[in-house]
Amino acid sequence: MKSLVCKVFMVSIALGAAAFALVGAAGASHVRVELSVPDQVAIGQPVEVRASFHSDSNPASVAGMTVIFHEEVALGGVTGDVELGRAVTDENGVAVLAYEARAAGAHEIHV
């Protein structure tokens, strides 16, 4: 089976203080996001993509937030953003997506 490399972006997401207040971190305005996936993935082999969300201003986790995982793909000459799935962050601020690569090549997974 061919293998592929999954590239993952470290993403920093700015959220309003009001949105953060809903998860108990009033006054915080930024979230630190860390994505982790294996470096090599076999086509058709399921792997876990993990996204961890933590407040930049304190060590609090961001629990109960819906996370949308997506990537840009090209099919038949058309390029677009495809949703891979959704997950809700747990009490540790971690959302997990079961991902199965369908084609060889570099894949960029975004949240």
N, C-alpha and C. Protein backbone atom coordinates (compact mmCIF):
# COMPACT_ATOMS: atom_id res chain seq x y z
N MET A 1 0.83 -1.17 0.00
CA MET A 1 0.00 0.00 0.00
C MET A 1 0.88 1.24 0.00
N LYS A 2 0.54 2.20 -0.82
CA LYS A 2 1.30 3.44 -0.85
C LYS A 2 1.07 4.20 0.45
N SER A 3 2.04 5.01 0.80
CA SER A 3 1.84 5.84 1.98
C SER A 3 1.81 7.30 1.55
N LEU A 4 1.30 8.14 2.39
CA LEU A 4 1.24 9.54 2.09
C LEU A 4 1.64 10.33 3.31
N VAL A 5 1.96 11.54 3.08
CA VAL A 5 2.37 12.41 4.17
C VAL A 5 1.20 13.33 4.49
N CYS A 6 0.82 13.40 5.74
CA CYS A 6 -0.23 14.33 6.16
C CYS A 6 0.43 15.56 6.74
N LYS A 7 0.22 16.68 6.10
CA LYS A 7 0.73 17.93 6.62
C LYS A 7 -0.36 18.54 7.48
N VAL A 8 0.03 19.08 8.57
CA VAL A 8 -0.95 19.65 9.47
C VAL A 8 -0.56 21.08 9.79
N PHE A 9 -1.49 21.96 9.69
CA PHE A 9 -1.24 23.34 10.04
C PHE A 9 -1.49 23.55 11.53
N MET A 10 -0.62 24.30 12.13
CA MET A 10 -0.88 24.79 13.48
C MET A 10 -1.72 26.03 13.28
N VAL A 11 -2.87 26.03 13.84
CA VAL A 11 -3.82 27.09 13.59
C VAL A 11 -4.07 27.88 14.86
N SER A 12 -4.05 29.16 14.77
CA SER A 12 -4.40 30.01 15.90
C SER A 12 -5.73 30.68 15.58
N ILE A 13 -6.70 30.49 16.43
CA ILE A 13 -8.03 31.00 16.19
C ILE A 13 -8.36 32.08 17.20
N ALA A 14 -8.77 33.22 16.73
CA ALA A 14 -9.18 34.30 17.63
C ALA A 14 -10.68 34.19 17.86
N LEU A 15 -11.08 34.17 19.10
CA LEU A 15 -12.49 34.11 19.46
C LEU A 15 -12.82 35.33 20.29
N GLY A 16 -14.03 35.79 20.21
CA GLY A 16 -14.47 36.92 21.02
C GLY A 16 -14.57 36.52 22.48
N ALA A 17 -14.41 37.47 23.37
CA ALA A 17 -14.48 37.21 24.80
C ALA A 17 -15.85 36.67 25.18
N ALA A 18 -16.89 37.10 24.49
CA ALA A 18 -18.23 36.62 24.80
C ALA A 18 -18.37 35.13 24.51
N ALA A 19 -17.80 34.68 23.40
CA ALA A 19 -17.87 33.26 23.07
C ALA A 19 -17.09 32.44 24.09
N PHE A 20 -15.97 32.98 24.53
CA PHE A 20 -15.18 32.27 25.53
C PHE A 20 -15.87 32.20 26.87
N ALA A 21 -16.66 33.21 27.19
CA ALA A 21 -17.36 33.23 28.46
C ALA A 21 -18.29 32.03 28.58
N LEU A 22 -18.80 31.56 27.46
CA LEU A 22 -19.69 30.40 27.47
C LEU A 22 -18.98 29.14 27.94
N VAL A 23 -17.67 29.06 27.77
CA VAL A 23 -16.93 27.88 28.21
C VAL A 23 -16.16 28.16 29.49
N GLY A 24 -16.42 29.28 30.13
CA GLY A 24 -15.86 29.52 31.44
C GLY A 24 -14.54 30.26 31.48
N ALA A 25 -14.10 30.85 30.39
CA ALA A 25 -12.83 31.56 30.40
C ALA A 25 -13.04 33.02 30.02
N ALA A 26 -13.95 33.67 30.74
CA ALA A 26 -14.25 35.08 30.44
C ALA A 26 -12.98 35.89 30.49
N GLY A 27 -12.83 36.80 29.58
CA GLY A 27 -11.64 37.64 29.53
C GLY A 27 -10.60 37.11 28.56
N ALA A 28 -10.67 35.86 28.20
CA ALA A 28 -9.73 35.30 27.23
C ALA A 28 -10.20 35.68 25.84
N SER A 29 -9.27 35.96 24.94
CA SER A 29 -9.69 36.33 23.60
C SER A 29 -9.03 35.48 22.52
N HIS A 30 -8.13 34.57 22.89
CA HIS A 30 -7.47 33.74 21.89
C HIS A 30 -7.40 32.30 22.35
N VAL A 31 -7.35 31.43 21.38
CA VAL A 31 -7.26 30.00 21.65
C VAL A 31 -6.03 29.47 20.94
N ARG A 32 -5.29 28.61 21.60
CA ARG A 32 -4.15 27.93 21.00
C ARG A 32 -4.66 26.57 20.53
N VAL A 33 -4.37 26.25 19.26
CA VAL A 33 -4.83 25.00 18.67
C VAL A 33 -3.62 24.18 18.27
N GLU A 34 -3.62 22.91 18.64
CA GLU A 34 -2.55 22.01 18.23
C GLU A 34 -3.19 20.80 17.55
N LEU A 35 -2.75 20.51 16.33
CA LEU A 35 -3.22 19.34 15.60
C LEU A 35 -2.14 18.28 15.60
N SER A 36 -2.54 17.03 15.71
CA SER A 36 -1.56 15.95 15.62
C SER A 36 -2.12 14.80 14.78
N VAL A 37 -1.28 14.34 13.86
CA VAL A 37 -1.58 13.18 13.02
C VAL A 37 -0.26 12.44 12.81
N PRO A 38 -0.32 11.17 12.46
CA PRO A 38 0.92 10.44 12.15
C PRO A 38 1.60 11.05 10.93
N ASP A 39 2.92 10.96 10.86
CA ASP A 39 3.67 11.48 9.72
C ASP A 39 3.38 10.69 8.45
N GLN A 40 3.26 9.39 8.56
CA GLN A 40 2.99 8.54 7.41
C GLN A 40 1.68 7.80 7.64
N VAL A 41 0.85 7.79 6.61
CA VAL A 41 -0.45 7.14 6.69
C VAL A 41 -0.63 6.28 5.45
N ALA A 42 -1.10 5.07 5.61
CA ALA A 42 -1.36 4.20 4.46
C ALA A 42 -2.76 4.50 3.92
N ILE A 43 -2.88 4.49 2.61
CA ILE A 43 -4.18 4.72 1.98
C ILE A 43 -5.16 3.66 2.46
N GLY A 44 -6.33 4.10 2.89
CA GLY A 44 -7.36 3.19 3.38
C GLY A 44 -7.18 2.78 4.83
N GLN A 45 -6.11 3.20 5.47
CA GLN A 45 -5.85 2.86 6.87
C GLN A 45 -6.36 3.99 7.77
N PRO A 46 -7.37 3.74 8.62
CA PRO A 46 -7.89 4.81 9.47
C PRO A 46 -6.87 5.26 10.52
N VAL A 47 -6.81 6.56 10.73
CA VAL A 47 -5.95 7.15 11.76
C VAL A 47 -6.77 8.19 12.53
N GLU A 48 -6.26 8.57 13.69
CA GLU A 48 -6.92 9.60 14.48
C GLU A 48 -6.23 10.94 14.24
N VAL A 49 -7.03 11.95 13.95
CA VAL A 49 -6.55 13.32 13.88
C VAL A 49 -7.06 13.99 15.15
N ARG A 50 -6.14 14.55 15.94
CA ARG A 50 -6.50 15.17 17.21
C ARG A 50 -6.26 16.67 17.15
N ALA A 51 -7.24 17.42 17.62
CA ALA A 51 -7.11 18.87 17.72
C ALA A 51 -7.32 19.24 19.19
N SER A 52 -6.33 19.91 19.78
CA SER A 52 -6.40 20.34 21.18
C SER A 52 -6.60 21.85 21.22
N PHE A 53 -7.54 22.30 22.02
CA PHE A 53 -7.87 23.71 22.14
C PHE A 53 -7.66 24.15 23.59
N HIS A 54 -6.83 25.18 23.77
CA HIS A 54 -6.55 25.72 25.11
C HIS A 54 -6.52 27.23 25.03
N SER A 55 -6.92 27.86 26.12
CA SER A 55 -6.89 29.32 26.20
C SER A 55 -5.45 29.79 26.19
N ASP A 56 -5.18 30.88 25.46
CA ASP A 56 -3.84 31.46 25.44
C ASP A 56 -3.51 32.16 26.75
N SER A 57 -4.52 32.67 27.44
CA SER A 57 -4.28 33.47 28.63
C SER A 57 -4.17 32.65 29.91
N ASN A 58 -4.63 31.40 29.89
CA ASN A 58 -4.51 30.53 31.06
C ASN A 58 -4.52 29.08 30.57
N PRO A 59 -4.21 28.13 31.44
CA PRO A 59 -4.11 26.74 31.00
C PRO A 59 -5.46 26.03 30.80
N ALA A 60 -6.56 26.77 30.89
CA ALA A 60 -7.88 26.14 30.78
C ALA A 60 -8.10 25.50 29.41
N SER A 61 -8.73 24.34 29.42
CA SER A 61 -9.11 23.67 28.19
C SER A 61 -10.43 24.25 27.70
N VAL A 62 -10.68 24.17 26.40
CA VAL A 62 -11.93 24.63 25.83
C VAL A 62 -12.78 23.39 25.57
N ALA A 63 -13.67 23.09 26.50
CA ALA A 63 -14.51 21.90 26.41
C ALA A 63 -15.87 22.22 25.81
N GLY A 64 -16.48 21.23 25.15
CA GLY A 64 -17.83 21.36 24.63
C GLY A 64 -17.95 22.17 23.35
N MET A 65 -16.87 22.39 22.63
CA MET A 65 -16.89 23.16 21.39
C MET A 65 -16.93 22.21 20.20
N THR A 66 -17.79 22.51 19.23
CA THR A 66 -17.85 21.71 18.01
C THR A 66 -16.71 22.14 17.08
N VAL A 67 -15.95 21.16 16.61
CA VAL A 67 -14.81 21.39 15.73
C VAL A 67 -15.12 20.77 14.38
N ILE A 68 -14.90 21.53 13.32
CA ILE A 68 -15.11 21.03 11.96
C ILE A 68 -13.74 20.81 11.32
N PHE A 69 -13.47 19.59 10.90
CA PHE A 69 -12.23 19.23 10.22
C PHE A 69 -12.50 19.27 8.71
N HIS A 70 -11.60 19.88 7.94
CA HIS A 70 -11.80 19.95 6.50
C HIS A 70 -10.46 20.01 5.77
N GLU A 71 -10.52 19.79 4.46
CA GLU A 71 -9.34 19.93 3.61
C GLU A 71 -9.78 20.37 2.23
N GLU A 72 -8.85 21.00 1.51
CA GLU A 72 -9.12 21.42 0.15
C GLU A 72 -8.75 20.26 -0.77
N VAL A 73 -9.68 19.90 -1.65
CA VAL A 73 -9.44 18.79 -2.57
C VAL A 73 -9.80 19.21 -3.99
N ALA A 74 -9.25 18.49 -4.95
CA ALA A 74 -9.55 18.72 -6.36
C ALA A 74 -10.12 17.42 -6.94
N LEU A 75 -11.21 17.56 -7.68
CA LEU A 75 -11.85 16.41 -8.30
C LEU A 75 -12.43 16.86 -9.64
N GLY A 76 -12.01 16.24 -10.70
CA GLY A 76 -12.52 16.57 -12.02
C GLY A 76 -12.27 18.00 -12.43
N GLY A 77 -11.13 18.54 -12.02
CA GLY A 77 -10.78 19.91 -12.39
C GLY A 77 -11.40 20.98 -11.51
N VAL A 78 -12.17 20.56 -10.51
CA VAL A 78 -12.81 21.50 -9.60
C VAL A 78 -12.14 21.38 -8.24
N THR A 79 -11.76 22.51 -7.65
CA THR A 79 -11.13 22.52 -6.34
C THR A 79 -12.10 23.14 -5.34
N GLY A 80 -12.20 22.52 -4.18
CA GLY A 80 -13.09 23.07 -3.16
C GLY A 80 -12.76 22.52 -1.79
N ASP A 81 -13.36 23.12 -0.80
CA ASP A 81 -13.17 22.74 0.59
C ASP A 81 -14.18 21.65 0.95
N VAL A 82 -13.69 20.53 1.49
CA VAL A 82 -14.56 19.40 1.83
C VAL A 82 -14.51 19.16 3.33
N GLU A 83 -15.68 19.07 3.93
CA GLU A 83 -15.75 18.75 5.36
C GLU A 83 -15.46 17.26 5.54
N LEU A 84 -14.50 16.96 6.41
CA LEU A 84 -14.14 15.57 6.70
C LEU A 84 -14.97 15.01 7.83
N GLY A 85 -15.40 15.87 8.73
CA GLY A 85 -16.20 15.44 9.86
C GLY A 85 -16.20 16.48 10.96
N ARG A 86 -16.98 16.18 12.00
CA ARG A 86 -17.11 17.08 13.15
C ARG A 86 -16.90 16.28 14.43
N ALA A 87 -16.40 16.97 15.43
CA ALA A 87 -16.22 16.36 16.75
C ALA A 87 -16.37 17.45 17.80
N VAL A 88 -16.76 17.07 19.01
CA VAL A 88 -16.91 18.01 20.11
C VAL A 88 -15.74 17.80 21.06
N THR A 89 -15.15 18.92 21.52
CA THR A 89 -14.02 18.82 22.44
C THR A 89 -14.47 18.23 23.77
N ASP A 90 -13.62 17.38 24.33
CA ASP A 90 -13.91 16.77 25.62
C ASP A 90 -13.46 17.69 26.76
N GLU A 91 -13.49 17.20 27.98
CA GLU A 91 -13.11 18.01 29.14
C GLU A 91 -11.65 18.47 29.10
N ASN A 92 -10.84 17.81 28.28
CA ASN A 92 -9.43 18.20 28.12
C ASN A 92 -9.22 19.12 26.91
N GLY A 93 -10.30 19.51 26.24
CA GLY A 93 -10.19 20.39 25.08
C GLY A 93 -9.76 19.69 23.82
N VAL A 94 -9.94 18.36 23.76
CA VAL A 94 -9.47 17.57 22.61
C VAL A 94 -10.66 17.05 21.79
N ALA A 95 -10.59 17.29 20.49
CA ALA A 95 -11.57 16.75 19.54
C ALA A 95 -10.83 15.74 18.67
N VAL A 96 -11.46 14.59 18.41
CA VAL A 96 -10.81 13.52 17.65
C VAL A 96 -11.66 13.16 16.44
N LEU A 97 -10.98 13.06 15.29
CA LEU A 97 -11.64 12.66 14.05
C LEU A 97 -10.96 11.41 13.52
N ALA A 98 -11.75 10.38 13.16
CA ALA A 98 -11.20 9.21 12.48
C ALA A 98 -11.09 9.59 11.00
N TYR A 99 -9.86 9.56 10.47
CA TYR A 99 -9.59 10.00 9.10
C TYR A 99 -9.00 8.84 8.31
N GLU A 100 -9.48 8.69 7.08
CA GLU A 100 -8.97 7.64 6.20
C GLU A 100 -8.61 8.27 4.86
N ALA A 101 -7.33 8.32 4.55
CA ALA A 101 -6.87 8.89 3.29
C ALA A 101 -7.36 8.04 2.13
N ARG A 102 -7.86 8.68 1.10
CA ARG A 102 -8.39 7.97 -0.07
C ARG A 102 -7.49 8.08 -1.28
N ALA A 103 -6.46 8.96 -1.19
CA ALA A 103 -5.55 9.16 -2.33
C ALA A 103 -4.15 9.46 -1.81
N ALA A 104 -3.16 9.10 -2.62
CA ALA A 104 -1.77 9.38 -2.26
C ALA A 104 -1.48 10.87 -2.42
N GLY A 105 -0.49 11.34 -1.71
CA GLY A 105 -0.08 12.73 -1.82
C GLY A 105 -0.16 13.44 -0.49
N ALA A 106 0.19 14.72 -0.53
CA ALA A 106 0.15 15.52 0.70
C ALA A 106 -1.28 15.98 0.95
N HIS A 107 -1.69 15.89 2.20
CA HIS A 107 -3.03 16.32 2.60
C HIS A 107 -2.88 17.36 3.72
N GLU A 108 -3.59 18.47 3.58
CA GLU A 108 -3.57 19.50 4.61
C GLU A 108 -4.93 19.48 5.30
N ILE A 109 -4.92 19.15 6.57
CA ILE A 109 -6.15 19.08 7.34
C ILE A 109 -6.26 20.35 8.17
N HIS A 110 -7.42 20.99 8.08
CA HIS A 110 -7.67 22.26 8.79
C HIS A 110 -8.81 22.07 9.77
N VAL A 111 -8.86 22.95 10.77
CA VAL A 111 -10.01 22.97 11.69
C VAL A 111 -10.62 24.35 11.65
